[in-house]
N, C-alpha and C. Protein backbone atom coordinates (compact mmCIF):
# COMPACT_ATOMS: atom_id res chain seq x y z
N MET A 1 107.16 197.80 37.17
CA MET A 1 107.88 196.55 37.18
C MET A 1 108.86 196.57 36.02
N SER A 2 110.08 196.32 36.34
CA SER A 2 111.13 196.60 35.40
C SER A 2 111.39 195.54 34.33
N ASN A 3 111.27 194.27 34.66
CA ASN A 3 111.69 193.23 33.74
C ASN A 3 110.64 192.12 33.70
N GLU A 4 110.19 191.80 32.51
CA GLU A 4 109.17 190.74 32.38
C GLU A 4 109.65 189.39 32.90
N ASN A 5 110.95 189.14 32.89
CA ASN A 5 111.49 187.87 33.36
C ASN A 5 111.33 187.71 34.86
N GLU A 6 111.07 188.79 35.57
CA GLU A 6 110.91 188.75 37.02
C GLU A 6 109.45 188.59 37.43
N LEU A 7 108.54 188.60 36.48
CA LEU A 7 107.11 188.55 36.79
C LEU A 7 106.60 187.12 36.84
N ILE A 8 105.67 186.89 37.78
CA ILE A 8 104.95 185.62 37.80
C ILE A 8 103.46 185.94 37.83
N THR A 9 102.65 184.99 37.41
CA THR A 9 101.21 185.13 37.45
C THR A 9 100.66 184.15 38.48
N ILE A 10 99.87 184.68 39.39
CA ILE A 10 99.22 183.84 40.39
C ILE A 10 97.74 183.80 40.05
N GLU A 11 97.22 182.60 39.87
CA GLU A 11 95.80 182.41 39.54
C GLU A 11 95.09 181.87 40.77
N ILE A 12 94.03 182.55 41.17
CA ILE A 12 93.26 182.14 42.33
C ILE A 12 91.84 181.83 41.85
N ARG A 13 91.33 180.65 42.22
CA ARG A 13 89.98 180.25 41.85
C ARG A 13 89.18 179.94 43.10
N GLY A 14 87.91 180.27 43.06
CA GLY A 14 87.02 179.96 44.17
C GLY A 14 85.77 180.81 44.10
N ARG A 15 84.99 180.75 45.18
CA ARG A 15 83.82 181.62 45.25
C ARG A 15 84.29 183.06 45.15
N GLU A 16 83.50 183.91 44.52
CA GLU A 16 83.96 185.26 44.17
C GLU A 16 84.51 186.04 45.36
N GLN A 17 83.78 186.12 46.44
CA GLN A 17 84.22 186.93 47.57
C GLN A 17 85.55 186.41 48.14
N VAL A 18 85.65 185.11 48.30
CA VAL A 18 86.85 184.51 48.87
C VAL A 18 88.04 184.68 47.92
N ALA A 19 87.82 184.46 46.62
CA ALA A 19 88.89 184.59 45.64
C ALA A 19 89.42 186.02 45.57
N VAL A 20 88.53 186.99 45.58
CA VAL A 20 88.94 188.40 45.54
C VAL A 20 89.72 188.76 46.80
N GLU A 21 89.24 188.34 47.96
CA GLU A 21 89.94 188.65 49.22
C GLU A 21 91.33 188.01 49.22
N ALA A 22 91.44 186.78 48.76
CA ALA A 22 92.74 186.11 48.71
C ALA A 22 93.68 186.84 47.74
N ALA A 23 93.15 187.26 46.60
CA ALA A 23 93.97 187.98 45.62
C ALA A 23 94.45 189.31 46.19
N GLU A 24 93.62 189.99 46.93
CA GLU A 24 94.03 191.26 47.56
C GLU A 24 95.15 191.03 48.56
N LYS A 25 95.07 189.95 49.33
CA LYS A 25 96.12 189.64 50.31
C LYS A 25 97.43 189.29 49.62
N VAL A 26 97.36 188.49 48.56
CA VAL A 26 98.58 188.15 47.81
C VAL A 26 99.18 189.41 47.19
N ALA A 27 98.35 190.24 46.60
CA ALA A 27 98.84 191.46 45.95
C ALA A 27 99.53 192.39 46.94
N ALA A 28 99.07 192.40 48.18
CA ALA A 28 99.67 193.27 49.19
C ALA A 28 101.06 192.78 49.63
N LEU A 29 101.38 191.52 49.37
CA LEU A 29 102.67 190.97 49.79
C LEU A 29 103.82 191.33 48.86
N PHE A 30 103.51 191.65 47.62
CA PHE A 30 104.54 191.85 46.61
C PHE A 30 104.27 193.13 45.83
N LEU A 31 105.30 193.58 45.10
CA LEU A 31 105.09 194.60 44.10
C LEU A 31 104.22 193.93 43.04
N SER A 32 103.01 194.44 42.83
CA SER A 32 102.06 193.71 41.98
C SER A 32 101.17 194.64 41.17
N SER A 33 100.41 194.01 40.28
CA SER A 33 99.42 194.73 39.48
C SER A 33 98.17 194.99 40.28
N GLY A 34 98.06 194.33 41.44
CA GLY A 34 96.79 194.32 42.17
C GLY A 34 95.93 193.23 41.55
N PRO A 35 94.86 192.86 42.22
CA PRO A 35 94.01 191.80 41.67
C PRO A 35 93.31 192.25 40.39
N GLY A 36 93.23 191.33 39.43
CA GLY A 36 92.46 191.61 38.24
C GLY A 36 90.97 191.46 38.53
N ARG A 37 90.16 191.74 37.54
CA ARG A 37 88.71 191.57 37.70
C ARG A 37 88.37 190.09 37.74
N PRO A 38 87.41 189.73 38.59
CA PRO A 38 87.00 188.32 38.63
C PRO A 38 86.42 187.89 37.27
N TYR A 39 86.82 186.73 36.81
CA TYR A 39 86.31 186.16 35.57
C TYR A 39 85.51 184.92 35.93
N ARG A 40 84.22 184.94 35.63
CA ARG A 40 83.35 183.80 35.94
C ARG A 40 83.71 182.64 35.03
N MET A 41 84.01 181.50 35.63
CA MET A 41 84.38 180.30 34.87
C MET A 41 83.12 179.69 34.26
N PRO A 42 83.12 179.41 32.96
CA PRO A 42 81.95 178.81 32.32
C PRO A 42 81.58 177.48 32.98
N SER A 43 80.31 177.29 33.21
CA SER A 43 79.77 176.04 33.76
C SER A 43 80.30 175.70 35.16
N LYS A 44 80.80 176.69 35.89
CA LYS A 44 81.31 176.43 37.24
C LYS A 44 80.78 177.49 38.19
N ASP A 45 80.77 177.16 39.46
CA ASP A 45 80.34 178.10 40.49
C ASP A 45 81.54 178.81 41.11
N GLU A 46 82.49 179.19 40.27
CA GLU A 46 83.67 179.87 40.78
C GLU A 46 84.15 180.93 39.81
N VAL A 47 85.03 181.78 40.32
CA VAL A 47 85.65 182.80 39.48
C VAL A 47 87.16 182.57 39.49
N ARG A 48 87.81 183.20 38.54
CA ARG A 48 89.27 183.20 38.48
C ARG A 48 89.73 184.64 38.63
N VAL A 49 90.70 184.86 39.50
CA VAL A 49 91.28 186.18 39.67
C VAL A 49 92.79 186.04 39.47
N LEU A 50 93.36 186.86 38.60
CA LEU A 50 94.80 186.83 38.33
C LEU A 50 95.48 187.98 39.04
N VAL A 51 96.70 187.71 39.54
CA VAL A 51 97.55 188.74 40.12
C VAL A 51 98.93 188.57 39.49
N TYR A 52 99.47 189.64 38.93
CA TYR A 52 100.82 189.62 38.37
C TYR A 52 101.75 190.24 39.40
N VAL A 53 102.79 189.49 39.80
CA VAL A 53 103.68 189.98 40.85
C VAL A 53 105.14 189.86 40.43
N ASN A 54 105.95 190.74 41.02
CA ASN A 54 107.39 190.65 40.91
C ASN A 54 107.87 190.10 42.24
N ALA A 55 108.03 188.80 42.34
CA ALA A 55 108.38 188.14 43.59
C ALA A 55 109.86 188.26 43.93
N GLN A 56 110.67 188.81 43.03
CA GLN A 56 112.10 188.92 43.28
C GLN A 56 112.48 190.21 43.99
N ARG A 57 111.56 191.14 44.12
CA ARG A 57 111.89 192.41 44.77
C ARG A 57 111.64 192.31 46.26
N GLY A 58 112.65 192.55 47.04
CA GLY A 58 112.54 192.51 48.49
C GLY A 58 112.08 193.84 49.04
N PRO A 59 111.98 193.96 50.36
CA PRO A 59 111.48 195.18 51.00
C PRO A 59 112.28 196.42 50.66
N GLU A 60 113.62 196.26 50.54
CA GLU A 60 114.47 197.42 50.25
C GLU A 60 114.22 197.98 48.85
N ALA A 61 113.64 197.18 47.97
CA ALA A 61 113.37 197.62 46.60
C ALA A 61 111.89 197.87 46.36
N GLY A 62 111.11 197.94 47.45
CA GLY A 62 109.69 198.23 47.30
C GLY A 62 108.85 197.01 47.00
N GLY A 63 109.39 195.82 47.25
CA GLY A 63 108.64 194.59 47.00
C GLY A 63 107.92 194.11 48.24
N VAL A 64 108.33 192.97 48.77
CA VAL A 64 107.68 192.37 49.93
C VAL A 64 107.77 193.33 51.12
N PRO A 65 106.65 193.67 51.77
CA PRO A 65 106.71 194.60 52.89
C PRO A 65 107.33 193.95 54.12
N GLU A 66 107.96 194.78 54.95
CA GLU A 66 108.52 194.32 56.23
C GLU A 66 107.38 193.90 57.14
N PRO A 67 107.56 192.85 57.95
CA PRO A 67 106.50 192.50 58.92
C PRO A 67 106.33 193.60 59.95
N GLU A 68 105.12 193.77 60.43
CA GLU A 68 104.87 194.82 61.41
C GLU A 68 105.23 194.37 62.80
């Protein structure tokens, strides 16, 4: 990823399995870091998963994939 100004952070919270699956799907849409490790939220029954993406890169630049 070339420029920090083009990066966004997507935070997904929920039950671990659902949050990880959602993060994997989001990560597949963009040039991304892939899902981070689930972080168990203190005193809650949920985890937080972060995904860092470059949402400005289109398919021609290796970003968002073309629909099948």
